[in-house]
């Protein structure tokens, strides 16, 4: 039996977008995506990932 299963993720969801573009391993993919969106009006050469996510306190 194959130990690897194919999985599909929807990049239109918040979770999918973060997994696709929000990890340093995919930094080149994010830079390419942003440069396509800017239509060569600006050229992004580097990005810095910051942890700006604030999770609420658990009330349990």
Protein backbone atom coordinates (compact mmCIF):
# COMPACT_ATOMS: atom_id res chain seq x y z
CA UNK A 1 0.00 0.00 0.00
CA UNK A 2 1.28 3.46 -0.86
CA UNK A 3 2.04 5.46 2.28
CA UNK A 4 1.58 8.79 0.48
CA UNK A 5 -1.88 10.00 -0.40
CA UNK A 6 -2.63 12.90 -2.69
CA UNK A 7 -4.33 15.76 -0.94
CA UNK A 8 -5.92 18.80 -2.48
CA UNK A 9 -6.23 22.14 -0.80
CA UNK A 10 -8.39 25.05 -1.84
CA UNK A 11 -6.12 28.13 -2.16
CA UNK A 12 -9.20 30.37 -2.01
CA UNK A 13 -9.72 29.59 1.68
CA UNK A 14 -7.78 31.36 4.41
CA UNK A 15 -6.16 28.10 5.49
CA UNK A 16 -5.19 27.08 1.96
CA UNK A 17 -3.76 30.50 1.13
CA UNK A 18 -1.69 30.54 4.33
CA UNK A 19 -0.30 27.06 3.69
CA UNK A 20 0.51 27.89 0.07
CA UNK A 21 2.01 31.36 0.51
CA UNK A 22 2.52 31.82 4.25
CA UNK A 23 5.48 29.57 4.93
CA UNK A 24 9.11 30.50 4.32
CA UNK A 25 9.65 27.34 2.25
CA UNK A 26 7.31 28.84 -0.40
CA UNK A 27 8.83 32.32 -0.29
CA UNK A 28 9.75 32.29 -4.00
CA UNK A 29 6.18 31.35 -4.89
CA UNK A 30 4.80 34.27 -2.85
CA UNK A 31 7.22 36.74 -4.44
CA UNK A 32 6.28 35.55 -7.93
CA UNK A 33 2.57 35.79 -7.11
CA UNK A 34 2.89 39.34 -5.79
CA UNK A 35 4.92 40.46 -8.79
CA UNK A 36 2.26 39.12 -11.16
CA UNK A 37 -0.42 41.02 -9.22
CA UNK A 38 1.56 44.26 -9.48
CA UNK A 39 1.86 44.02 -13.29
CA UNK A 40 5.52 45.13 -13.21
CA UNK A 41 4.64 48.49 -11.64
CA UNK A 42 6.91 47.45 -8.79
CA UNK A 43 9.26 44.52 -8.40
CA UNK A 44 9.36 42.66 -5.10
CA UNK A 45 12.65 40.88 -4.51
CA UNK A 46 12.27 39.77 -0.88
CA UNK A 47 9.62 39.36 1.80
CA UNK A 48 9.81 38.97 5.56
CA UNK A 49 7.40 36.75 7.39
CA UNK A 50 6.06 38.16 10.65
CA UNK A 51 3.80 36.41 13.13
CA UNK A 52 0.88 38.81 13.33
CA UNK A 53 -1.80 36.27 14.10
CA UNK A 54 -3.44 36.77 17.49
CA UNK A 55 -5.33 33.79 18.79
CA UNK A 56 -7.99 34.49 21.37
CA UNK A 57 -7.70 33.24 24.92
CA UNK A 58 -9.51 30.02 25.59
CA UNK A 59 -12.38 30.45 28.03
CA UNK A 60 -12.39 26.83 29.10
